[in-house]
């Protein structure tokens, strides 16, 4: 991409640099919330649909020992993630795979301590597809369905590994049932609400393979409130690297 087609943005008060298309898919707050929800160490992680790298870069910044692989089906986003990894000095710890995560050879099996994803979250046929195909692929299940990314995670994870995602709250029961069908149990979850008293919009989830976990007491954490009277809430400002 030409430099004029790119914006250079920052996360964590400038600690992380993010290269994004000026027009096309741009990162939302979701990767920040998911990275803030997860507790290091992350070990070796797989980011399904890494986009231009926001979630992966945050994980790498939060854990200096972490290393990961990001798989992205859209070539120009994969290229931006690769360039961003170099500019953030993450290249030695992060590899970008440009291609379909469902394809053989996109990742190793049973090789990851963590699979983390901000996946496409709207089934095709619901809502309006964004006019730019980049946004449509990222937000709607055009190329990757809920079942498909869960199948990938089940194959990619080590037996004691963690699966983490941010997903629409209105599909929470569907996600939970799909996890159970693959032998996962929910270890932690946290609803995300726009303001105090509002209905949840997202759910943050961490799951593990039930067969290798002796006892799992699911922890439902207090709702993460995104906005308060001062703008972003103290929790979100902390996730953004700002002082509360």
C-alpha atoms as a PDB file:
ATOM      1  CA  UNK A   1       0.000   0.000   0.000  1.00  0.00           C
ATOM      2  CA  UNK A   2       1.083   3.562  -0.643  1.00  0.00           C
ATOM      3  CA  UNK A   3       1.963   5.569   2.457  1.00  0.00           C
ATOM      4  CA  UNK A   4      -0.933   7.934   1.700  1.00  0.00           C
ATOM      5  CA  UNK A   5      -3.339   4.985   2.047  1.00  0.00           C
ATOM      6  CA  UNK A   6      -2.140   4.160   5.575  1.00  0.00           C
ATOM      7  CA  UNK A   7      -2.649   5.764   8.968  1.00  0.00           C
ATOM      8  CA  UNK A   8      -0.168   5.274  11.784  1.00  0.00           C
ATOM      9  CA  UNK A   9      -1.970   4.941  15.091  1.00  0.00           C
ATOM     10  CA  UNK A  10      -0.842   4.026  18.595  1.00  0.00           C
ATOM     11  CA  UNK A  11      -2.032   1.943  21.519  1.00  0.00           C
ATOM     12  CA  UNK A  12      -0.890   1.775  25.143  1.00  0.00           C
ATOM     13  CA  UNK A  13       0.099   5.444  25.206  1.00  0.00           C
ATOM     14  CA  UNK A  14       2.414   5.065  22.241  1.00  0.00           C
ATOM     15  CA  UNK A  15       4.052   1.784  23.252  1.00  0.00           C
ATOM     16  CA  UNK A  16       2.399  -0.015  20.341  1.00  0.00           C
ATOM     17  CA  UNK A  17       2.232   1.276  16.777  1.00  0.00           C
ATOM     18  CA  UNK A  18      -0.563   0.140  14.469  1.00  0.00           C
ATOM     19  CA  UNK A  19      -0.598   0.585  10.695  1.00  0.00           C
ATOM     20  CA  UNK A  20      -4.138   0.642   9.297  1.00  0.00           C
ATOM     21  CA  UNK A  21      -5.854   1.300   5.962  1.00  0.00           C
ATOM     22  CA  UNK A  22      -7.110   4.852   5.737  1.00  0.00           C
ATOM     23  CA  UNK A  23     -10.199   3.393   4.046  1.00  0.00           C
ATOM     24  CA  UNK A  24     -11.211  -0.150   4.891  1.00  0.00           C
ATOM     25  CA  UNK A  25     -11.066  -2.250   8.029  1.00  0.00           C
ATOM     26  CA  UNK A  26      -9.892  -0.285  11.051  1.00  0.00           C
ATOM     27  CA  UNK A  27      -9.474  -1.651  14.540  1.00  0.00           C
ATOM     28  CA  UNK A  28     -12.220  -1.159  17.116  1.00  0.00           C
ATOM     29  CA  UNK A  29     -11.939  -1.214  20.901  1.00  0.00           C
ATOM     30  CA  UNK A  30     -12.619  -4.970  20.960  1.00  0.00           C
ATOM     31  CA  UNK A  31      -8.954  -6.120  20.728  1.00  0.00           C
ATOM     32  CA  UNK A  32      -8.066  -3.778  23.592  1.00  0.00           C
ATOM     33  CA  UNK A  33     -10.813  -5.242  25.776  1.00  0.00           C
ATOM     34  CA  UNK A  34      -9.831  -8.832  24.973  1.00  0.00           C
ATOM     35  CA  UNK A  35      -6.133  -8.235  25.594  1.00  0.00           C
ATOM     36  CA  UNK A  36      -6.983  -6.480  28.860  1.00  0.00           C
ATOM     37  CA  UNK A  37      -9.217  -9.376  29.939  1.00  0.00           C
ATOM     38  CA  UNK A  38      -6.506 -11.977  29.462  1.00  0.00           C
ATOM     39  CA  UNK A  39      -3.952 -12.682  32.163  1.00  0.00           C
ATOM     40  CA  UNK A  40      -0.326 -13.373  31.159  1.00  0.00           C
ATOM     41  CA  UNK A  41       1.761 -15.390  30.624  1.00  0.00           C
ATOM     42  CA  UNK A  42       0.493 -16.129  27.131  1.00  0.00           C
ATOM     43  CA  UNK A  43       3.218 -18.520  26.019  1.00  0.00           C
ATOM     44  CA  UNK A  44       2.851 -19.279  22.323  1.00  0.00           C
ATOM     45  CA  UNK A  45      -0.374 -17.882  20.912  1.00  0.00           C
ATOM     46  CA  UNK A  46      -2.385 -18.045  17.702  1.00  0.00           C
ATOM     47  CA  UNK A  47      -4.421 -15.008  16.625  1.00  0.00           C
ATOM     48  CA  UNK A  48      -7.199 -16.105  14.238  1.00  0.00           C
ATOM     49  CA  UNK A  49      -7.983 -13.268  11.841  1.00  0.00           C
ATOM     50  CA  UNK A  50      -5.292 -10.939  13.139  1.00  0.00           C
ATOM     51  CA  UNK A  51      -6.177  -8.039  10.827  1.00  0.00           C
ATOM     52  CA  UNK A  52      -3.445  -5.433  10.944  1.00  0.00           C
ATOM     53  CA  UNK A  53      -2.178  -6.842  14.248  1.00  0.00           C
ATOM     54  CA  UNK A  54      -3.845  -4.941  17.101  1.00  0.00           C
ATOM     55  CA  UNK A  55      -4.642  -7.902  19.365  1.00  0.00           C
ATOM     56  CA  UNK A  56      -1.344  -9.680  18.740  1.00  0.00           C
ATOM     57  CA  UNK A  57       0.704  -6.541  19.336  1.00  0.00           C
ATOM     58  CA  UNK A  58      -1.094  -5.896  22.624  1.00  0.00           C
ATOM     59  CA  UNK A  59      -0.440  -9.455  23.814  1.00  0.00           C
ATOM     60  CA  UNK A  60       3.229  -9.136  22.873  1.00  0.00           C
ATOM     61  CA  UNK A  61       3.474  -5.793  24.679  1.00  0.00           C
ATOM     62  CA  UNK A  62       1.824  -7.180  27.833  1.00  0.00           C
ATOM     63  CA  UNK A  63       4.115 -10.225  27.990  1.00  0.00           C
ATOM     64  CA  UNK A  64       7.733  -9.837  26.928  1.00  0.00           C
ATOM     65  CA  UNK A  65       8.161 -13.635  26.764  1.00  0.00           C
ATOM     66  CA  UNK A  66       5.123 -14.271  24.565  1.00  0.00           C
ATOM     67  CA  UNK A  67       5.491 -15.239  20.940  1.00  0.00           C
ATOM     68  CA  UNK A  68       2.789 -15.790  18.399  1.00  0.00           C
ATOM     69  CA  UNK A  69       1.410 -16.459  14.963  1.00  0.00           C
ATOM     70  CA  UNK A  70      -1.240 -14.288  13.333  1.00  0.00           C
ATOM     71  CA  UNK A  71      -3.271 -15.677  10.434  1.00  0.00           C
ATOM     72  CA  UNK A  72      -5.067 -13.218   8.154  1.00  0.00           C
ATOM     73  CA  UNK A  73      -6.981 -14.063   4.980  1.00  0.00           C
ATOM     74  CA  UNK A  74      -6.925 -10.513   3.582  1.00  0.00           C
ATOM     75  CA  UNK A  75      -3.553  -9.814   1.929  1.00  0.00           C
ATOM     76  CA  UNK A  76      -3.223  -6.096   2.551  1.00  0.00           C
ATOM     77  CA  UNK A  77      -4.120  -6.460   6.239  1.00  0.00           C
ATOM     78  CA  UNK A  78      -1.595  -9.289   6.569  1.00  0.00           C
ATOM     79  CA  UNK A  79       1.023  -7.073   4.935  1.00  0.00           C
ATOM     80  CA  UNK A  80       0.272  -4.245   7.381  1.00  0.00           C
ATOM     81  CA  UNK A  81       0.515  -6.671  10.313  1.00  0.00           C
ATOM     82  CA  UNK A  82       3.895  -7.856   9.088  1.00  0.00           C
ATOM     83  CA  UNK A  83       5.141  -4.297   8.632  1.00  0.00           C
ATOM     84  CA  UNK A  84       3.737  -3.321  12.019  1.00  0.00           C
ATOM     85  CA  UNK A  85       5.491  -6.239  13.703  1.00  0.00           C
ATOM     86  CA  UNK A  86       8.784  -5.028  12.262  1.00  0.00           C
ATOM     87  CA  UNK A  87       8.220  -1.415  13.312  1.00  0.00           C
ATOM     88  CA  UNK A  88       7.285  -2.520  16.848  1.00  0.00           C
ATOM     89  CA  UNK A  89      10.385  -4.734  17.072  1.00  0.00           C
ATOM     90  CA  UNK A  90       8.140  -7.795  17.416  1.00  0.00           C
ATOM     91  CA  UNK A  91       9.371  -9.553  14.268  1.00  0.00           C
ATOM     92  CA  UNK A  92      11.506 -12.027  16.225  1.00  0.00           C
ATOM     93  CA  UNK A  93       8.490 -13.047  18.327  1.00  0.00           C
ATOM     94  CA  UNK A  94       5.622 -12.816  15.840  1.00  0.00           C
ATOM     95  CA  UNK A  95       4.984 -14.408  12.468  1.00  0.00           C
ATOM     96  CA  UNK A  96       2.199 -13.447  10.063  1.00  0.00           C
ATOM     97  CA  UNK A  97       0.623 -16.088   7.841  1.00  0.00           C
ATOM     98  CA  UNK A  98      -1.325 -14.629   4.926  1.00  0.00           C
ATOM     99  CA  UNK A  99      -4.053 -17.104   4.066  1.00  0.00           C
ATOM    100  CA  UNK A 100      -7.103 -19.039   5.183  1.00  0.00           C
ATOM    101  CA  UNK A 101      -6.708 -20.322   8.745  1.00  0.00           C
ATOM    102  CA  UNK A 102      -8.768 -23.383   7.785  1.00  0.00           C
ATOM    103  CA  UNK A 103      -6.208 -24.428   5.176  1.00  0.00           C
ATOM    104  CA  UNK A 104      -3.757 -27.193   5.965  1.00  0.00           C
ATOM    105  CA  UNK A 105      -0.384 -25.755   6.887  1.00  0.00           C
ATOM    106  CA  UNK A 106      -1.643 -22.374   8.121  1.00  0.00           C
ATOM    107  CA  UNK A 107      -0.695 -23.345  11.680  1.00  0.00           C
ATOM    108  CA  UNK A 108       0.695 -26.262  13.666  1.00  0.00           C
ATOM    109  CA  UNK A 109      -1.579 -28.653  15.545  1.00  0.00           C
ATOM    110  CA  UNK A 110      -1.512 -28.897  19.350  1.00  0.00           C
ATOM    111  CA  UNK A 111       1.195 -26.243  19.398  1.00  0.00           C
ATOM    112  CA  UNK A 112      -0.323 -23.203  21.115  1.00  0.00           C
ATOM    113  CA  UNK A 113      -0.848 -22.241  24.741  1.00  0.00           C
ATOM    114  CA  UNK A 114      -3.443 -19.649  23.777  1.00  0.00           C
ATOM    115  CA  UNK A 115      -5.764 -19.121  20.847  1.00  0.00           C
ATOM    116  CA  UNK A 116      -7.175 -15.602  20.902  1.00  0.00           C
ATOM    117  CA  UNK A 117      -9.555 -14.082  18.396  1.00  0.00           C
ATOM    118  CA  UNK A 118     -11.820 -11.171  17.627  1.00  0.00           C
ATOM    119  CA  UNK A 119     -13.665 -13.213  14.983  1.00  0.00           C
ATOM    120  CA  UNK A 120     -16.371 -12.423  12.426  1.00  0.00           C
ATOM    121  CA  UNK A 121     -19.442 -12.193  14.610  1.00  0.00           C
ATOM    122  CA  UNK A 122     -22.533 -11.751  12.437  1.00  0.00           C
ATOM    123  CA  UNK A 123     -24.065 -14.684  10.530  1.00  0.00           C
ATOM    124  CA  UNK A 124     -24.587 -14.002   6.850  1.00  0.00           C
ATOM    125  CA  UNK A 125     -28.152 -12.848   6.363  1.00  0.00           C
ATOM    126  CA  UNK A 126     -28.308 -10.767   9.532  1.00  0.00           C
ATOM    127  CA  UNK A 127     -27.742  -7.026   9.415  1.00  0.00           C
ATOM    128  CA  UNK A 128     -26.363  -5.217   6.389  1.00  0.00           C
ATOM    129  CA  UNK A 129     -23.086  -6.269   4.829  1.00  0.00           C
ATOM    130  CA  UNK A 130     -20.625  -3.344   4.813  1.00  0.00           C
ATOM    131  CA  UNK A 131     -19.933  -2.100   1.263  1.00  0.00           C
ATOM    132  CA  UNK A 132     -16.184  -2.699   1.547  1.00  0.00           C
ATOM    133  CA  UNK A 133     -15.457  -6.432   1.308  1.00  0.00           C
ATOM    134  CA  UNK A 134     -12.632  -6.000   3.851  1.00  0.00           C
ATOM    135  CA  UNK A 135     -15.156  -5.008   6.505  1.00  0.00           C
ATOM    136  CA  UNK A 136     -17.659  -7.653   5.397  1.00  0.00           C
ATOM    137  CA  UNK A 137     -15.091 -10.445   5.747  1.00  0.00           C
ATOM    138  CA  UNK A 138     -13.998  -9.235   9.172  1.00  0.00           C
ATOM    139  CA  UNK A 139     -17.441  -8.671  10.694  1.00  0.00           C
ATOM    140  CA  UNK A 140     -19.736 -11.178   8.989  1.00  0.00           C
ATOM    141  CA  UNK A 141     -19.307 -14.939   8.706  1.00  0.00           C
ATOM    142  CA  UNK A 142     -18.611 -14.756   4.984  1.00  0.00           C
ATOM    143  CA  UNK A 143     -15.405 -16.790   5.071  1.00  0.00           C
ATOM    144  CA  UNK A 144     -15.224 -18.048   8.671  1.00  0.00           C
ATOM    145  CA  UNK A 145     -18.158 -19.231  10.779  1.00  0.00           C
ATOM    146  CA  UNK A 146     -18.379 -19.741  14.533  1.00  0.00           C
ATOM    147  CA  UNK A 147     -18.042 -23.503  14.119  1.00  0.00           C
ATOM    148  CA  UNK A 148     -15.059 -23.141  11.810  1.00  0.00           C
ATOM    149  CA  UNK A 149     -12.942 -20.936  14.053  1.00  0.00           C
ATOM    150  CA  UNK A 150     -13.777 -23.107  17.051  1.00  0.00           C
ATOM    151  CA  UNK A 151     -12.711 -26.194  15.071  1.00  0.00           C
ATOM    152  CA  UNK A 152      -9.415 -24.451  14.295  1.00  0.00           C
ATOM    153  CA  UNK A 153      -8.885 -23.570  17.953  1.00  0.00           C
ATOM    154  CA  UNK A 154      -9.608 -27.121  19.085  1.00  0.00           C
ATOM    155  CA  UNK A 155      -6.924 -28.473  16.758  1.00  0.00           C
ATOM    156  CA  UNK A 156      -4.376 -25.718  17.439  1.00  0.00           C
ATOM    157  CA  UNK A 157      -4.425 -25.761  21.238  1.00  0.00           C
ATOM    158  CA  UNK A 158      -2.238 -27.811  23.503  1.00  0.00           C
ATOM    159  CA  UNK A 159      -4.234 -29.930  25.994  1.00  0.00           C
ATOM    160  CA  UNK A 160      -3.824 -27.384  28.783  1.00  0.00           C
ATOM    161  CA  UNK A 161      -4.266 -24.374  26.495  1.00  0.00           C
ATOM    162  CA  UNK A 162      -6.713 -21.500  26.664  1.00  0.00           C
ATOM    163  CA  UNK A 163      -9.187 -20.245  24.080  1.00  0.00           C
ATOM    164  CA  UNK A 164     -10.218 -16.596  24.356  1.00  0.00           C
ATOM    165  CA  UNK A 165     -12.625 -14.499  22.323  1.00  0.00           C
ATOM    166  CA  UNK A 166     -14.778 -11.412  22.357  1.00  0.00           C
ATOM    167  CA  UNK A 167     -18.217 -12.062  20.888  1.00  0.00           C
ATOM    168  CA  UNK A 168     -21.669 -10.462  20.699  1.00  0.00           C
ATOM    169  CA  UNK A 169     -23.624 -11.035  23.884  1.00  0.00           C
ATOM    170  CA  UNK A 170     -26.748 -11.904  21.913  1.00  0.00           C
ATOM    171  CA  UNK A 171     -24.907 -15.004  20.644  1.00  0.00           C
ATOM    172  CA  UNK A 172     -23.535 -15.987  24.053  1.00  0.00           C
ATOM    173  CA  UNK A 173     -25.724 -19.078  24.431  1.00  0.00           C
ATOM    174  CA  UNK A 174     -24.814 -20.205  20.915  1.00  0.00           C
ATOM    175  CA  UNK A 175     -21.118 -19.753  21.663  1.00  0.00           C
ATOM    176  CA  UNK A 176     -21.374 -21.600  24.968  1.00  0.00           C
ATOM    177  CA  UNK A 177     -23.204 -24.536  23.349  1.00  0.00           C
ATOM    178  CA  UNK A 178     -20.673 -24.665  20.511  1.00  0.00           C
ATOM    179  CA  UNK A 179     -17.795 -24.696  22.992  1.00  0.00           C
ATOM    180  CA  UNK A 180     -19.394 -27.547  24.938  1.00  0.00           C
ATOM    181  CA  UNK A 181     -19.935 -29.562  21.747  1.00  0.00           C
ATOM    182  CA  UNK A 182     -16.172 -29.512  21.177  1.00  0.00           C
ATOM    183  CA  UNK A 183     -15.330 -30.458  24.747  1.00  0.00           C
ATOM    184  CA  UNK A 184     -14.538 -26.963  26.052  1.00  0.00           C
ATOM    185  CA  UNK A 185     -15.757 -25.520  29.308  1.00  0.00           C
ATOM    186  CA  UNK A 186     -15.986 -21.817  30.080  1.00  0.00           C
ATOM    187  CA  UNK A 187     -13.462 -20.863  32.759  1.00  0.00           C
ATOM    188  CA  UNK A 188     -14.037 -17.102  32.846  1.00  0.00           C
ATOM    189  CA  UNK A 189     -16.467 -14.696  31.252  1.00  0.00           C
ATOM    190  CA  UNK A 190     -17.167 -10.986  31.527  1.00  0.00           C
ATOM    191  CA  UNK A 191     -20.041  -9.082  29.932  1.00  0.00           C
ATOM    192  CA  UNK A 192     -19.259  -5.734  28.308  1.00  0.00           C
ATOM    193  CA  UNK A 193     -21.755  -2.882  28.623  1.00  0.00           C
ATOM    194  CA  UNK A 194     -21.585   0.571  27.076  1.00  0.00           C
ATOM    195  CA  UNK A 195     -22.741   2.315  30.264  1.00  0.00           C
ATOM    196  CA  UNK A 196     -23.876   1.418  33.774  1.00  0.00           C
ATOM    197  CA  UNK A 197     -27.322  -0.142  33.582  1.00  0.00           C
ATOM    198  CA  UNK A 198     -27.187  -0.819  29.832  1.00  0.00           C
ATOM    199  CA  UNK A 199     -27.698  -4.250  28.324  1.00  0.00           C
ATOM    200  CA  UNK A 200     -24.503  -6.194  27.530  1.00  0.00           C
ATOM    201  CA  UNK A 201     -23.208  -5.804  23.991  1.00  0.00           C
ATOM    202  CA  UNK A 202     -20.209  -8.109  24.074  1.00  0.00           C
ATOM    203  CA  UNK A 203     -18.974 -11.043  26.140  1.00  0.00           C
ATOM    204  CA  UNK A 204     -15.327 -11.756  26.941  1.00  0.00           C
ATOM    205  CA  UNK A 205     -14.729 -15.492  27.250  1.00  0.00           C
ATOM    206  CA  UNK A 206     -11.862 -17.736  28.286  1.00  0.00           C
ATOM    207  CA  UNK A 207     -12.393 -21.474  27.828  1.00  0.00           C
ATOM    208  CA  UNK A 208     -10.374 -24.621  28.376  1.00  0.00           C
ATOM    209  CA  UNK A 209     -10.638 -28.219  27.241  1.00  0.00           C
ATOM    210  CA  UNK A 210     -12.856 -29.854  29.840  1.00  0.00           C
ATOM    211  CA  UNK A 211     -11.301 -33.314  29.491  1.00  0.00           C
ATOM    212  CA  UNK A 212      -7.975 -32.183  30.923  1.00  0.00           C
ATOM    213  CA  UNK A 213      -9.259 -29.883  33.639  1.00  0.00           C
ATOM    214  CA  UNK A 214     -10.062 -31.691  36.874  1.00  0.00           C
ATOM    215  CA  UNK A 215     -12.439 -29.105  38.304  1.00  0.00           C
ATOM    216  CA  UNK A 216     -13.637 -25.962  36.608  1.00  0.00           C
ATOM    217  CA  UNK A 217     -15.672 -23.448  38.544  1.00  0.00           C
ATOM    218  CA  UNK A 218     -16.782 -20.925  35.937  1.00  0.00           C
ATOM    219  CA  UNK A 219     -16.064 -17.375  37.050  1.00  0.00           C
ATOM    220  CA  UNK A 220     -18.534 -14.716  35.915  1.00  0.00           C
ATOM    221  CA  UNK A 221     -16.706 -11.440  36.422  1.00  0.00           C
ATOM    222  CA  UNK A 222     -18.473  -8.112  37.007  1.00  0.00           C
ATOM    223  CA  UNK A 223     -19.574  -6.338  33.844  1.00  0.00           C
ATOM    224  CA  UNK A 224     -16.916  -4.246  32.140  1.00  0.00           C
ATOM    225  CA  UNK A 225     -18.374  -0.741  31.778  1.00  0.00           C
ATOM    226  CA  UNK A 226     -16.908   1.032  28.773  1.00  0.00           C
ATOM    227  CA  UNK A 227     -18.076   4.623  29.392  1.00  0.00           C
ATOM    228  CA  UNK A 228     -18.829   6.710  32.464  1.00  0.00           C
ATOM    229  CA  UNK A 229     -19.356  10.413  33.051  1.00  0.00           C
ATOM    230  CA  UNK A 230     -15.676  11.099  32.339  1.00  0.00           C
ATOM    231  CA  UNK A 231     -15.537   9.292  28.991  1.00  0.00           C
ATOM    232  CA  UNK A 232     -13.891   5.898  29.073  1.00  0.00           C
ATOM    233  CA  UNK A 233     -14.231   4.139  32.422  1.00  0.00           C
ATOM    234  CA  UNK A 234     -11.260   3.612  34.730  1.00  0.00           C
ATOM    235  CA  UNK A 235     -11.087  -0.067  33.707  1.00  0.00           C
ATOM    236  CA  UNK A 236     -10.951   0.757  30.007  1.00  0.00           C
ATOM    237  CA  UNK A 237      -8.449   3.574  30.525  1.00  0.00           C
ATOM    238  CA  UNK A 238      -6.241   1.083  32.352  1.00  0.00           C
ATOM    239  CA  UNK A 239      -6.538  -1.332  29.392  1.00  0.00           C
ATOM    240  CA  UNK A 240      -5.551   1.534  27.109  1.00  0.00           C
ATOM    241  CA  UNK A 241      -2.452   2.128  29.197  1.00  0.00           C
ATOM    242  CA  UNK A 242      -3.708   5.341  30.762  1.00  0.00           C
ATOM    243  CA  UNK A 243      -3.759   6.256  34.413  1.00  0.00           C
ATOM    244  CA  UNK A 244      -7.149   5.700  36.043  1.00  0.00           C
END
